[in-house]
Amino acid sequence: MSLKIRLSRGGAKKRPFYRVVVADSRMPRDGRFIERVGSFDPLKAKDAADRVVIDQEKVQAWIAKGAQPTDRVARLLDALGLVKREPHNNPKQGLPKKKAQERAAAAAKAAEAAA
């Protein structure tokens, strides 16, 4: 059984509220879970004390048993200092695509010819 520490969505439409739960990875997102270990309210201010509420002892116990946090939960746990998460870096993501590079090269060539 593969265990995940993940978010389970609650709340109304356009008003999300998440519970941090330990669940079998085969269960649905909002379906059956083993234990609730915290909550996350993304609508609150980033510096609000009750934006992320996590029972740290339970999380550490589940990680010791082999539960893997999802990427979003790992971010929350990293902010609390429970799990070390390596930041993702994709420097090619922000570069212009092929056609935009061709247009930029043509514009530079035209500006050079005009000067």
C-alpha atoms as a PDB file:
ATOM      1  CA  MET A   1       0.000   0.000   0.000  1.00  0.00           C
ATOM      2  CA  SER A   2       1.495   3.311  -1.146  1.00  0.00           C
ATOM      3  CA  LEU A   3       0.734   6.105   1.278  1.00  0.00           C
ATOM      4  CA  LYS A   4       0.571   9.780   0.335  1.00  0.00           C
ATOM      5  CA  ILE A   5       0.314  12.883   2.470  1.00  0.00           C
ATOM      6  CA  ARG A   6      -1.853  15.058   0.265  1.00  0.00           C
ATOM      7  CA  LEU A   7      -4.540  17.710   0.119  1.00  0.00           C
ATOM      8  CA  SER A   8      -8.240  16.878   0.137  1.00  0.00           C
ATOM      9  CA  ARG A   9     -10.428  19.708  -1.154  1.00  0.00           C
ATOM     10  CA  GLY A  10     -13.420  21.049   0.664  1.00  0.00           C
ATOM     11  CA  GLY A  11     -15.266  24.353   0.738  1.00  0.00           C
ATOM     12  CA  ALA A  12     -17.646  25.955  -1.705  1.00  0.00           C
ATOM     13  CA  LYS A  13     -17.212  26.808  -5.355  1.00  0.00           C
ATOM     14  CA  LYS A  14     -14.388  29.354  -5.772  1.00  0.00           C
ATOM     15  CA  ARG A  15     -13.797  29.213  -1.977  1.00  0.00           C
ATOM     16  CA  PRO A  16     -11.342  26.320  -1.532  1.00  0.00           C
ATOM     17  CA  PHE A  17     -10.349  24.845   1.792  1.00  0.00           C
ATOM     18  CA  TYR A  18      -8.001  21.898   2.038  1.00  0.00           C
ATOM     19  CA  ARG A  19      -7.412  19.204   4.629  1.00  0.00           C
ATOM     20  CA  VAL A  20      -3.979  17.616   4.820  1.00  0.00           C
ATOM     21  CA  VAL A  21      -4.630  13.879   4.962  1.00  0.00           C
ATOM     22  CA  VAL A  22      -2.742  10.605   4.822  1.00  0.00           C
ATOM     23  CA  ALA A  23      -4.374   8.369   2.220  1.00  0.00           C
ATOM     24  CA  ASP A  24      -3.746   5.368   0.044  1.00  0.00           C
ATOM     25  CA  SER A  25      -2.561   6.678  -3.320  1.00  0.00           C
ATOM     26  CA  ARG A  26      -5.248   4.648  -5.118  1.00  0.00           C
ATOM     27  CA  MET A  27      -8.126   6.434  -3.356  1.00  0.00           C
ATOM     28  CA  PRO A  28      -9.835   9.485  -4.923  1.00  0.00           C
ATOM     29  CA  ARG A  29      -8.655  12.976  -3.998  1.00  0.00           C
ATOM     30  CA  ASP A  30     -11.630  13.726  -1.763  1.00  0.00           C
ATOM     31  CA  GLY A  31     -12.361  10.109  -0.939  1.00  0.00           C
ATOM     32  CA  ARG A  32     -11.395   7.758   1.838  1.00  0.00           C
ATOM     33  CA  PHE A  33      -8.344   8.628   3.906  1.00  0.00           C
ATOM     34  CA  ILE A  34      -6.537   7.092   6.853  1.00  0.00           C
ATOM     35  CA  GLU A  35      -5.913  10.096   9.063  1.00  0.00           C
ATOM     36  CA  ARG A  36      -6.350  13.858   8.959  1.00  0.00           C
ATOM     37  CA  VAL A  37      -3.139  15.609   9.983  1.00  0.00           C
ATOM     38  CA  GLY A  38      -3.871  19.273   9.293  1.00  0.00           C
ATOM     39  CA  SER A  39      -5.536  21.942   7.193  1.00  0.00           C
ATOM     40  CA  PHE A  40      -4.608  24.603   4.647  1.00  0.00           C
ATOM     41  CA  ASP A  41      -6.653  27.699   3.788  1.00  0.00           C
ATOM     42  CA  PRO A  42      -5.215  29.373   0.656  1.00  0.00           C
ATOM     43  CA  LEU A  43      -7.594  32.341   0.923  1.00  0.00           C
ATOM     44  CA  LYS A  44      -5.988  33.632   4.115  1.00  0.00           C
ATOM     45  CA  ALA A  45      -3.015  35.980   4.060  1.00  0.00           C
ATOM     46  CA  LYS A  46       0.373  34.330   3.632  1.00  0.00           C
ATOM     47  CA  ASP A  47       1.497  35.557   7.045  1.00  0.00           C
ATOM     48  CA  ALA A  48      -1.675  34.449   8.870  1.00  0.00           C
ATOM     49  CA  ALA A  49      -0.942  32.044  11.703  1.00  0.00           C
ATOM     50  CA  ASP A  50      -3.867  29.718  10.929  1.00  0.00           C
ATOM     51  CA  ARG A  51      -3.322  29.519   7.147  1.00  0.00           C
ATOM     52  CA  VAL A  52      -1.433  26.232   7.567  1.00  0.00           C
ATOM     53  CA  VAL A  53      -2.225  24.102  10.621  1.00  0.00           C
ATOM     54  CA  ILE A  54      -0.356  20.787  10.749  1.00  0.00           C
ATOM     55  CA  ASP A  55       0.188  18.299  13.552  1.00  0.00           C
ATOM     56  CA  GLN A  56       3.954  17.956  13.167  1.00  0.00           C
ATOM     57  CA  GLU A  57       4.325  14.819  15.299  1.00  0.00           C
ATOM     58  CA  LYS A  58       1.749  12.927  13.246  1.00  0.00           C
ATOM     59  CA  VAL A  59       3.375  13.987   9.979  1.00  0.00           C
ATOM     60  CA  GLN A  60       6.812  12.900  11.156  1.00  0.00           C
ATOM     61  CA  ALA A  61       5.387   9.566  12.304  1.00  0.00           C
ATOM     62  CA  TRP A  62       3.728   8.941   8.932  1.00  0.00           C
ATOM     63  CA  ILE A  63       6.879   9.907   7.025  1.00  0.00           C
ATOM     64  CA  ALA A  64       8.801   7.445   9.207  1.00  0.00           C
ATOM     65  CA  LYS A  65       6.262   4.778   8.187  1.00  0.00           C
ATOM     66  CA  GLY A  66       6.948   5.511   4.510  1.00  0.00           C
ATOM     67  CA  ALA A  67       4.279   8.044   3.517  1.00  0.00           C
ATOM     68  CA  GLN A  68       5.391  10.378   0.725  1.00  0.00           C
ATOM     69  CA  PRO A  69       4.176  13.993   0.662  1.00  0.00           C
ATOM     70  CA  THR A  70       2.921  15.381  -2.641  1.00  0.00           C
ATOM     71  CA  ASP A  71       4.736  18.384  -4.110  1.00  0.00           C
ATOM     72  CA  ARG A  72       2.307  20.954  -2.703  1.00  0.00           C
ATOM     73  CA  VAL A  73       2.313  19.379   0.755  1.00  0.00           C
ATOM     74  CA  ALA A  74       6.114  19.160   0.608  1.00  0.00           C
ATOM     75  CA  ARG A  75       6.164  22.936   0.025  1.00  0.00           C
ATOM     76  CA  LEU A  76       4.000  23.476   3.099  1.00  0.00           C
ATOM     77  CA  LEU A  77       6.131  21.125   5.197  1.00  0.00           C
ATOM     78  CA  ASP A  78       9.318  22.782   3.948  1.00  0.00           C
ATOM     79  CA  ALA A  79       8.006  26.158   5.102  1.00  0.00           C
ATOM     80  CA  LEU A  80       7.473  24.631   8.557  1.00  0.00           C
ATOM     81  CA  GLY A  81      10.924  23.017   8.505  1.00  0.00           C
ATOM     82  CA  LEU A  82       9.723  19.397   8.570  1.00  0.00           C
ATOM     83  CA  VAL A  83      10.847  18.216   5.122  1.00  0.00           C
ATOM     84  CA  LYS A  84      13.686  19.445   2.940  1.00  0.00           C
ATOM     85  CA  ARG A  85      12.434  20.103  -0.590  1.00  0.00           C
ATOM     86  CA  GLU A  86      14.674  20.943  -3.503  1.00  0.00           C
ATOM     87  CA  PRO A  87      13.272  23.848  -5.539  1.00  0.00           C
ATOM     88  CA  HIS A  88      12.426  23.075  -9.130  1.00  0.00           C
ATOM     89  CA  ASN A  89      14.307  25.023 -11.788  1.00  0.00           C
ATOM     90  CA  ASN A  90      13.579  25.006 -15.493  1.00  0.00           C
ATOM     91  CA  PRO A  91      15.480  27.923 -17.071  1.00  0.00           C
ATOM     92  CA  LYS A  92      14.288  26.999 -20.580  1.00  0.00           C
ATOM     93  CA  GLN A  93      10.634  27.421 -19.566  1.00  0.00           C
ATOM     94  CA  GLY A  94      10.720  31.232 -19.792  1.00  0.00           C
ATOM     95  CA  LEU A  95      12.653  31.491 -23.046  1.00  0.00           C
ATOM     96  CA  PRO A  96      10.815  32.581 -26.195  1.00  0.00           C
ATOM     97  CA  LYS A  97       9.767  29.816 -28.555  1.00  0.00           C
ATOM     98  CA  LYS A  98      11.075  29.321 -32.105  1.00  0.00           C
ATOM     99  CA  LYS A  99       8.750  31.745 -33.942  1.00  0.00           C
ATOM    100  CA  ALA A 100       9.262  34.498 -31.369  1.00  0.00           C
ATOM    101  CA  GLN A 101      13.043  34.083 -31.694  1.00  0.00           C
ATOM    102  CA  GLU A 102      12.714  34.355 -35.497  1.00  0.00           C
ATOM    103  CA  ARG A 103      10.630  37.544 -35.175  1.00  0.00           C
ATOM    104  CA  ALA A 104      13.134  39.050 -32.739  1.00  0.00           C
ATOM    105  CA  ALA A 105      16.019  38.209 -35.084  1.00  0.00           C
ATOM    106  CA  ALA A 106      14.148  39.764 -38.039  1.00  0.00           C
ATOM    107  CA  ALA A 107      13.383  42.909 -36.018  1.00  0.00           C
ATOM    108  CA  ALA A 108      17.032  43.196 -34.959  1.00  0.00           C
ATOM    109  CA  LYS A 109      18.147  42.762 -38.569  1.00  0.00           C
ATOM    110  CA  ALA A 110      15.671  45.430 -39.731  1.00  0.00           C
ATOM    111  CA  ALA A 111      16.829  47.843 -37.013  1.00  0.00           C
ATOM    112  CA  GLU A 112      20.442  47.217 -37.985  1.00  0.00           C
ATOM    113  CA  ALA A 113      19.668  47.874 -41.639  1.00  0.00           C
ATOM    114  CA  ALA A 114      17.828  51.111 -40.781  1.00  0.00           C
ATOM    115  CA  ALA A 115      20.799  52.377 -38.746  1.00  0.00           C
END
